[in-house]
Amino acid sequence: MDKTRESSVTKGVIMKSDYMLIAARPDAAPADKQFTDAVMKRIINTKTSRSVFASLRRRGPVFIVLVVLLAIGALSSTAYAITYFWTRSHTAVTSSLDSDGRKTYSIKTEGCEPGNLTYEYKLKKGATLSDTDVQRLMSTYCEQQAVIQWAVQTWPNDSSTINHSIPGYVSHVAMTLVSNPLKNISMTRQSITTSEFLLQQSDNDQQTTKVESDTKILIDGQLSTIDKLDASKAVLLVTRQDIDQKNQDDCTAVSCSSDTLRDDTKLVALVQLSYPLEYYYGFKDLVLSRPCTHNAIDFCPLSTDNIIVFWRNGAGDYINSAKWKETSGVIQSIGRDKITIQTRAGRIVTVHTDANTVNGFNARPTSNNGFQVAVGDTLNISYLSFQDQVLADDIPFVNLMQLELVIESQAQHQKY
């Protein structure tokens, strides 16, 4: 058997927002499917074929990210210069020490988000990144976002023909996939072999992708040729997937299954990044905080290792609503049916729960990688508020949508 796997399907998820981070959680996290389904409800506003998107969800979280990227592409625009395919971004990084002596970085970005946003990153316990390392990480992040926005605008995603009720109807779905940063193992004019791992443990850690005659090769945002690629630099693979699915003859508006007629994937662009792959791994040593949704006062820390303590069925229907608000803070007390937290802004917020919210979670530590909720932990809280300009200091249980325990590392059993 060939030592590499012939494939033009790229793997990976690009970090773009809190919902992407959550969608990219490891499979071991207990509540992934609930939240992933909620994200899908938020992003997809048109009626879609259950058979098509059930198939997509089985293929992994990268497809959810693609739908998010389509939304991003619709919200933001890229100004094309004469010689560059995307605009240059700018980042400003300032550092300070928080109350427990850890470095916290305030990041101001311009040109790599749909608007100018301020984020914060805190060094995880034991991390050794320097200020220069963090500045470079922000540059790599913005570089990836520029490629993503360019890709989804150049090859827009399209699910407009999906129908899940007409017998015999053929639906077409076209999607643009952007890989994680990959190591360039080897290349010819006809193919490139890559790996998402710094150190290969086996031949299965790498994949070979066919380079088409019309595949765009981009270096420093400009068209180039494959022989000009620097093997020491990381690359992004941009692929286009076209799927045709035919509804079965017994389809109705209530129930419909379909068969796949075509599933083609093609490498449309090969993008060389500015640094070697190891420079794109530094985010694992940082915890991101961003302004909480519809709450400019508080910051919500995000991590792919966060664990959902409570999720209300049907909450996904409200995520896109202006009524959806978030807050975050350190637990001050835990009662039978309420929790109090203190936000970073100093607000004391009481969150009402049912009797089993915390006790039920703590009673099943084996399902939560051994984690339990305790005083001193940090919780992210999502709730519905019907007073648009008011931040609640008392959240009734009926309004509570989600409680999330903030975790730095499940592998190292480290809370935030």
Protein backbone atom coordinates (compact mmCIF):
# COMPACT_ATOMS: atom_id res chain seq x y z
CA MET A 1 0.00 0.00 0.00
CA ASP A 2 1.16 3.54 -0.73
CA LYS A 3 2.61 5.15 2.37
CA THR A 4 0.52 8.27 1.89
CA ARG A 5 -3.21 8.55 1.60
CA GLU A 6 -4.25 9.91 -1.79
CA SER A 7 -6.82 12.52 -0.98
CA SER A 8 -7.81 15.98 -2.04
CA VAL A 9 -10.01 16.49 1.00
CA THR A 10 -8.35 18.76 3.54
CA LYS A 11 -8.81 18.49 7.26
CA GLY A 12 -8.88 21.12 9.92
CA VAL A 13 -10.67 24.03 11.48
CA ILE A 14 -9.55 27.66 11.46
CA MET A 15 -10.18 29.50 14.64
CA LYS A 16 -12.54 32.36 13.89
CA SER A 17 -15.02 32.91 16.70
CA ASP A 18 -16.28 31.50 19.96
CA TYR A 19 -18.79 29.26 18.17
CA MET A 20 -16.06 27.81 16.01
CA LEU A 21 -14.02 27.11 19.08
CA ILE A 22 -16.92 25.28 20.63
CA ALA A 23 -17.74 23.41 17.43
CA ALA A 24 -14.09 22.30 17.30
CA ARG A 25 -14.14 20.74 20.75
CA PRO A 26 -12.61 17.27 21.08
CA ASP A 27 -15.04 14.38 20.74
CA ALA A 28 -14.57 13.53 24.40
CA ALA A 29 -16.30 16.70 25.57
CA PRO A 30 -19.74 15.68 26.86
CA ALA A 31 -22.05 18.25 25.28
CA ASP A 32 -20.57 18.85 21.82
CA LYS A 33 -23.53 17.64 19.80
CA GLN A 34 -26.03 19.83 21.60
CA PHE A 35 -24.08 22.97 21.02
CA THR A 36 -23.02 22.05 17.49
CA ASP A 37 -26.67 21.53 16.58
CA ALA A 38 -27.46 24.91 18.11
CA VAL A 39 -24.78 26.59 16.04
CA MET A 40 -26.16 24.98 12.91
CA LYS A 41 -29.60 26.38 13.73
CA ARG A 42 -28.11 29.81 14.22
CA ILE A 43 -26.21 29.91 10.95
CA ILE A 44 -28.64 28.19 8.58
CA ASN A 45 -31.71 30.39 8.22
CA THR A 46 -33.13 28.67 5.11
CA LYS A 47 -35.00 25.38 5.06
CA THR A 48 -32.46 22.70 4.24
CA SER A 49 -32.44 19.02 3.37
CA ARG A 50 -32.03 16.94 6.49
CA SER A 51 -30.43 14.17 4.49
CA VAL A 52 -27.77 16.47 3.00
CA PHE A 53 -26.83 18.22 6.23
CA ALA A 54 -27.04 15.06 8.31
CA SER A 55 -24.40 13.76 5.90
CA LEU A 56 -22.33 16.91 6.33
CA ARG A 57 -22.42 16.75 10.12
CA ARG A 58 -21.19 13.17 10.02
CA ARG A 59 -18.14 14.39 8.11
CA GLY A 60 -16.87 16.45 11.06
CA PRO A 61 -16.84 20.00 12.50
CA VAL A 62 -14.98 21.52 9.55
CA PHE A 63 -18.28 21.62 7.63
CA ILE A 64 -19.91 23.68 10.36
CA VAL A 65 -16.98 26.06 10.15
CA LEU A 66 -17.54 26.38 6.42
CA VAL A 67 -21.09 27.55 6.97
CA VAL A 68 -19.80 30.06 9.52
CA LEU A 69 -17.25 31.25 6.98
CA LEU A 70 -20.05 31.80 4.47
CA ALA A 71 -21.74 34.07 7.00
CA ILE A 72 -18.46 35.91 7.57
CA GLY A 73 -17.99 36.36 3.84
CA ALA A 74 -21.45 37.90 3.62
CA LEU A 75 -20.70 40.34 6.43
CA SER A 76 -17.26 41.52 5.43
CA SER A 77 -15.62 42.70 2.24
CA THR A 78 -12.05 42.47 1.01
CA ALA A 79 -10.47 45.35 -0.85
CA TYR A 80 -8.32 43.96 -3.64
CA ALA A 81 -5.14 45.80 -4.47
CA ILE A 82 -3.61 45.54 -7.92
CA THR A 83 -1.03 42.94 -6.98
CA TYR A 84 -2.42 41.44 -3.76
CA PHE A 85 -5.40 39.14 -3.34
CA TRP A 86 -6.19 40.34 0.20
CA THR A 87 -5.62 43.40 2.32
CA ARG A 88 -2.81 43.71 4.83
CA SER A 89 -3.88 43.63 8.48
CA HIS A 90 -2.51 45.38 11.55
CA THR A 91 -2.35 44.29 15.17
CA ALA A 92 -1.47 46.19 18.34
CA VAL A 93 -0.49 44.15 21.42
CA THR A 94 -0.15 45.50 24.96
CA SER A 95 0.60 43.36 28.03
CA SER A 96 -0.16 43.60 31.75
CA LEU A 97 -0.18 41.37 34.82
CA ASP A 98 -3.50 40.18 36.24
CA SER A 99 -4.31 39.60 39.90
CA ASP A 100 -2.73 36.14 39.95
CA GLY A 101 0.49 37.37 38.31
CA ARG A 102 -0.14 35.96 34.85
CA LYS A 103 0.49 37.91 31.67
CA THR A 104 -2.65 39.23 29.98
CA TYR A 105 -2.49 40.65 26.46
CA SER A 106 -4.90 43.18 25.02
CA ILE A 107 -5.12 42.74 21.25
CA LYS A 108 -6.47 45.38 18.88
CA THR A 109 -6.92 44.10 15.33
CA GLU A 110 -7.63 45.99 12.14
CA GLY A 111 -8.24 44.35 8.79
CA CYS A 112 -8.68 40.76 9.96
CA GLU A 113 -12.20 40.87 11.37
CA PRO A 114 -15.50 42.24 10.08
CA GLY A 115 -14.78 45.41 12.04
CA ASN A 116 -12.15 46.53 14.52
CA LEU A 117 -12.32 44.39 17.63
CA THR A 118 -10.44 44.16 20.91
CA TYR A 119 -9.63 40.77 22.38
CA GLU A 120 -7.71 39.61 25.43
CA TYR A 121 -5.46 36.60 25.76
CA LYS A 122 -4.18 35.23 29.04
CA LEU A 123 -1.15 32.96 29.27
CA LYS A 124 -2.05 29.51 30.53
CA LYS A 125 -0.33 28.35 33.68
CA GLY A 126 3.18 27.20 32.86
CA ALA A 127 3.24 28.78 29.39
CA THR A 128 6.50 30.48 28.36
CA LEU A 129 5.50 32.64 25.39
CA SER A 130 7.26 35.99 25.13
CA ASP A 131 5.65 39.31 24.14
CA THR A 132 7.28 38.91 20.71
CA ASP A 133 5.78 35.43 20.37
CA VAL A 134 2.30 36.76 21.10
CA GLN A 135 2.69 39.62 18.62
CA ARG A 136 3.71 37.12 15.95
CA LEU A 137 0.78 34.85 16.83
CA MET A 138 -1.62 37.71 16.24
CA SER A 139 -0.04 38.32 12.85
CA THR A 140 -0.44 34.66 11.91
CA TYR A 141 -4.07 34.72 13.02
CA CYS A 142 -4.87 37.77 10.89
CA GLU A 143 -3.03 36.27 7.93
CA GLN A 144 -5.23 33.16 8.11
CA GLN A 145 -8.41 35.24 8.34
CA ALA A 146 -7.39 37.21 5.25
CA VAL A 147 -7.02 33.96 3.31
CA ILE A 148 -10.36 32.65 4.59
CA GLN A 149 -12.25 35.78 3.61
CA TRP A 150 -10.63 35.83 0.18
CA ALA A 151 -11.40 32.13 -0.36
CA VAL A 152 -15.11 32.26 0.49
CA GLN A 153 -15.57 35.38 -1.63
CA THR A 154 -13.72 33.89 -4.59
CA TRP A 155 -15.57 30.56 -4.37
CA PRO A 156 -18.85 31.28 -2.54
CA ASN A 157 -20.63 28.49 -0.73
CA ASP A 158 -23.99 27.61 -2.24
CA SER A 159 -26.85 25.56 -0.79
CA SER A 160 -29.64 27.47 -2.56
CA THR A 161 -30.97 24.51 -4.54
CA ILE A 162 -31.58 22.21 -1.56
CA ASN A 163 -35.08 20.75 -1.34
CA HIS A 164 -36.14 17.92 0.95
CA SER A 165 -39.70 17.24 -0.11
CA ILE A 166 -39.89 16.69 -3.90
CA PRO A 167 -39.49 13.01 -4.94
CA GLY A 168 -36.56 12.51 -7.33
CA TYR A 169 -35.28 16.09 -6.89
CA VAL A 170 -31.50 16.56 -7.15
CA SER A 171 -29.95 19.05 -4.70
CA HIS A 172 -26.53 20.58 -5.25
CA VAL A 173 -24.26 21.82 -2.46
CA ALA A 174 -20.98 23.66 -3.16
CA MET A 175 -18.60 24.40 -0.30
CA THR A 176 -15.17 25.96 0.14
CA LEU A 177 -12.92 24.30 2.71
CA VAL A 178 -9.87 25.93 4.26
CA SER A 179 -7.45 23.66 6.09
CA ASN A 180 -5.54 24.26 9.28
CA PRO A 181 -1.95 25.40 8.75
CA LEU A 182 -0.05 22.39 7.43
CA LYS A 183 3.58 21.34 7.21
CA ASN A 184 4.91 21.06 3.66
CA ILE A 185 6.46 17.58 3.62
CA SER A 186 7.20 17.31 -0.10
CA MET A 187 5.85 18.56 -3.42
CA THR A 188 5.95 18.07 -7.15
CA ARG A 189 4.20 19.94 -9.93
CA GLN A 190 1.35 17.40 -9.68
CA SER A 191 0.91 17.00 -5.91
CA ILE A 192 1.82 18.20 -2.42
CA THR A 193 2.21 16.04 0.68
CA THR A 194 1.34 17.76 3.95
CA SER A 195 0.83 17.06 7.65
CA GLU A 196 -0.92 18.93 10.43
CA PHE A 197 1.55 17.47 12.94
CA LEU A 198 4.93 18.93 13.84
CA LEU A 199 6.32 15.45 14.41
CA GLN A 200 4.94 12.54 12.39
CA GLN A 201 4.15 9.47 14.47
CA SER A 202 3.24 7.34 11.46
CA ASP A 203 2.73 7.52 7.71
CA ASN A 204 -0.97 8.03 8.35
CA ASP A 205 -0.20 11.48 9.79
CA GLN A 206 0.33 12.87 6.30
CA GLN A 207 -1.81 13.23 3.18
CA THR A 208 -1.11 13.77 -0.49
CA THR A 209 -3.29 16.21 -2.44
CA LYS A 210 -3.43 16.52 -6.21
CA VAL A 211 -2.41 19.91 -7.62
CA GLU A 212 -4.57 20.75 -10.62
CA SER A 213 -3.36 22.68 -13.66
CA ASP A 214 -5.59 25.60 -12.64
CA THR A 215 -4.83 25.49 -8.90
CA LYS A 216 -3.84 28.99 -7.77
CA ILE A 217 -0.44 29.12 -6.03
CA LEU A 218 -0.16 32.15 -3.75
CA ILE A 219 2.89 33.42 -1.88
CA ASP A 220 2.69 36.62 0.18
CA GLY A 221 -0.77 37.24 -1.23
CA GLN A 222 0.40 37.16 -4.84
CA LEU A 223 0.13 34.63 -7.64
CA SER A 224 3.22 32.47 -7.99
CA THR A 225 4.23 28.97 -9.09
CA ILE A 226 4.65 25.75 -7.13
CA ASP A 227 8.42 25.65 -7.68
CA LYS A 228 8.70 28.93 -5.72
CA LEU A 229 7.22 27.46 -2.53
CA ASP A 230 9.50 27.46 0.51
CA ALA A 231 9.35 23.99 2.06
CA SER A 232 10.07 25.44 5.52
CA LYS A 233 6.86 27.54 5.52
CA ALA A 234 3.40 26.33 6.51
CA VAL A 235 0.67 26.17 3.88
CA LEU A 236 -3.11 26.38 3.69
CA LEU A 237 -5.05 24.18 1.28
CA VAL A 238 -8.25 25.68 -0.15
CA THR A 239 -10.50 23.01 -1.63
CA ARG A 240 -13.89 23.11 -3.33
CA GLN A 241 -16.39 20.33 -2.67
CA ASP A 242 -19.42 19.71 -4.93
CA ILE A 243 -22.12 17.30 -3.77
CA ASP A 244 -25.23 16.19 -5.69
CA GLN A 245 -27.90 14.27 -3.79
CA LYS A 246 -31.12 12.86 -5.24
CA ASN A 247 -34.28 12.56 -3.14
CA GLN A 248 -35.75 9.08 -2.99
CA ASP A 249 -39.07 8.47 -4.72
CA ASP A 250 -41.06 8.23 -1.48
CA CYS A 251 -40.02 11.70 -0.26
CA THR A 252 -42.63 13.89 1.45
CA ALA A 253 -42.48 17.23 3.26
CA VAL A 254 -42.44 15.29 6.54
CA SER A 255 -39.78 12.69 5.75
CA CYS A 256 -37.19 12.44 3.01
CA SER A 257 -34.02 10.43 2.41
CA SER A 258 -31.59 10.90 -0.45
CA ASP A 259 -28.73 9.18 -2.28
CA THR A 260 -25.39 10.76 -3.15
CA LEU A 261 -24.85 10.99 -6.90
CA ARG A 262 -21.62 12.99 -6.85
CA ASP A 263 -19.07 14.02 -4.22
CA ASP A 264 -16.09 15.74 -5.88
CA THR A 265 -13.33 17.71 -4.19
CA LYS A 266 -10.72 19.81 -5.96
CA LEU A 267 -7.73 21.84 -4.75
CA VAL A 268 -8.47 25.38 -5.96
CA ALA A 269 -5.71 27.24 -4.12
CA LEU A 270 -2.44 26.46 -2.36
CA VAL A 271 -1.41 29.31 -0.07
CA GLN A 272 2.02 29.65 1.50
CA LEU A 273 1.96 31.28 4.95
CA SER A 274 4.64 33.53 6.38
CA TYR A 275 6.10 31.23 9.05
CA PRO A 276 6.96 27.56 9.74
CA LEU A 277 4.20 25.40 11.21
CA GLU A 278 5.46 25.61 14.80
CA TYR A 279 4.64 29.33 14.91
CA TYR A 280 0.95 28.49 14.46
CA TYR A 281 0.81 26.25 17.52
CA GLY A 282 1.22 28.98 20.14
CA PHE A 283 -2.51 29.52 20.64
CA LYS A 284 -2.61 26.33 22.69
CA ASP A 285 -0.76 28.31 25.40
CA LEU A 286 -3.35 31.12 25.48
CA VAL A 287 -6.94 31.51 26.63
CA LEU A 288 -8.99 33.95 24.57
CA SER A 289 -11.42 36.41 26.14
CA ARG A 290 -13.69 38.59 24.06
CA PRO A 291 -16.51 41.01 24.93
CA CYS A 292 -19.55 38.97 25.96
CA THR A 293 -22.42 38.93 23.47
CA HIS A 294 -24.66 42.02 23.86
CA ASN A 295 -22.66 42.97 26.94
CA ALA A 296 -19.85 45.47 26.44
CA ILE A 297 -18.94 45.54 30.15
CA ASP A 298 -17.85 41.95 30.74
CA PHE A 299 -15.36 39.68 28.97
CA CYS A 300 -16.10 35.99 28.36
CA PRO A 301 -13.12 33.56 28.29
CA LEU A 302 -13.27 30.93 25.55
CA SER A 303 -11.51 27.63 25.25
CA THR A 304 -12.01 24.50 23.16
CA ASP A 305 -11.83 22.60 26.46
CA ASN A 306 -14.77 24.40 28.12
CA ILE A 307 -17.45 22.05 29.47
CA ILE A 308 -21.19 22.71 29.27
CA VAL A 309 -22.82 22.34 32.70
CA PHE A 310 -26.34 23.21 31.57
CA TRP A 311 -27.93 23.63 28.14
CA ARG A 312 -31.63 24.34 27.64
CA ASN A 313 -33.31 22.38 24.87
CA GLY A 314 -34.29 24.75 22.08
CA ALA A 315 -31.78 27.42 23.12
CA GLY A 316 -30.21 27.30 19.67
CA ASP A 317 -33.31 28.97 18.26
CA TYR A 318 -32.46 32.15 20.20
CA ILE A 319 -28.68 32.47 19.74
CA ASN A 320 -29.11 34.90 16.87
CA SER A 321 -31.60 37.02 18.78
CA ALA A 322 -30.87 40.44 20.28
CA LYS A 323 -32.42 39.02 23.46
CA TRP A 324 -29.47 36.60 23.85
CA LYS A 325 -26.95 37.98 26.33
CA GLU A 326 -23.83 36.63 27.98
CA THR A 327 -21.87 37.33 31.11
CA SER A 328 -19.00 35.61 32.90
CA GLY A 329 -17.49 35.63 36.35
CA VAL A 330 -15.94 33.83 39.28
CA ILE A 331 -18.31 31.76 41.43
CA GLN A 332 -18.80 33.33 44.88
CA SER A 333 -21.35 30.87 46.26
CA ILE A 334 -23.34 27.81 45.21
CA GLY A 335 -26.78 27.15 46.69
CA ARG A 336 -29.31 24.41 46.08
CA ASP A 337 -31.02 26.41 43.35
CA LYS A 338 -28.83 29.43 42.66
CA ILE A 339 -25.25 30.50 41.94
CA THR A 340 -23.69 33.92 42.51
CA ILE A 341 -20.76 35.16 40.46
CA GLN A 342 -18.63 38.29 40.38
CA THR A 343 -17.81 39.59 36.92
CA ARG A 344 -14.53 41.20 36.02
CA ALA A 345 -16.30 44.56 36.11
CA GLY A 346 -17.23 43.87 39.76
CA ARG A 347 -20.91 43.15 39.22
CA ILE A 348 -22.51 40.52 41.48
CA VAL A 349 -24.91 38.39 39.43
CA THR A 350 -27.31 35.80 40.83
CA VAL A 351 -28.17 32.91 38.51
CA HIS A 352 -31.20 30.81 39.45
CA THR A 353 -31.04 27.11 38.58
CA ASP A 354 -33.07 24.02 39.27
CA ALA A 355 -32.09 21.70 42.09
CA ASN A 356 -30.15 19.35 39.84
CA THR A 357 -28.15 21.80 37.69
CA VAL A 358 -24.93 21.82 39.72
CA ASN A 359 -25.55 18.78 41.91
CA GLY A 360 -26.44 16.68 38.89
CA PHE A 361 -23.31 17.79 37.05
CA ASN A 362 -21.06 17.14 40.05
CA ALA A 363 -22.62 13.71 40.55
CA ARG A 364 -21.28 12.45 37.23
CA PRO A 365 -17.57 13.42 37.21
CA THR A 366 -16.65 10.46 35.00
CA SER A 367 -18.80 11.98 32.25
CA ASN A 368 -17.08 15.35 32.63
CA ASN A 369 -13.43 14.24 32.56
CA GLY A 370 -13.33 14.40 36.34
CA PHE A 371 -14.32 18.07 36.60
CA GLN A 372 -16.80 19.43 39.14
CA VAL A 373 -18.18 22.93 39.68
CA ALA A 374 -16.89 24.69 42.81
CA VAL A 375 -16.55 28.13 44.39
CA GLY A 376 -13.68 29.99 42.69
CA ASP A 377 -14.34 28.50 39.26
CA THR A 378 -15.19 30.69 36.28
CA LEU A 379 -18.57 30.28 34.57
CA ASN A 380 -19.77 31.64 31.24
CA ILE A 381 -23.52 32.31 31.38
CA SER A 382 -25.96 32.76 28.50
CA TYR A 383 -29.49 33.98 29.12
CA LEU A 384 -32.44 35.74 27.49
CA SER A 385 -33.18 39.33 28.46
CA PHE A 386 -36.25 41.23 27.35
CA GLN A 387 -34.85 44.60 28.41
CA ASP A 388 -32.50 45.46 25.57
CA GLN A 389 -30.34 48.04 27.34
CA VAL A 390 -30.25 46.41 30.78
CA LEU A 391 -27.75 43.81 32.01
CA ALA A 392 -29.41 41.47 34.46
CA ASP A 393 -28.05 41.14 37.99
CA ASP A 394 -30.67 38.49 38.75
CA ILE A 395 -31.28 35.82 36.09
CA PRO A 396 -34.44 33.70 36.52
CA PHE A 397 -34.08 30.01 35.72
CA VAL A 398 -36.68 30.28 32.95
CA ASN A 399 -34.35 32.77 31.17
CA LEU A 400 -31.19 30.69 31.63
CA MET A 401 -29.95 29.18 28.36
CA GLN A 402 -26.47 27.84 29.15
CA LEU A 403 -23.86 27.47 31.88
CA GLU A 404 -20.31 26.70 30.78
CA LEU A 405 -17.38 25.81 33.04
CA VAL A 406 -14.20 27.48 31.75
CA ILE A 407 -11.32 25.00 31.42
CA GLU A 408 -7.74 25.75 30.41
CA SER A 409 -6.80 22.16 29.68
CA GLN A 410 -8.80 18.98 30.10
CA ALA A 411 -5.70 16.90 29.41
CA GLN A 412 -3.83 18.54 32.30
CA HIS A 413 -6.98 18.83 34.42
CA GLN A 414 -6.46 22.57 34.72
CA LYS A 415 -9.34 24.97 35.33
CA TYR A 416 -9.15 28.61 34.30
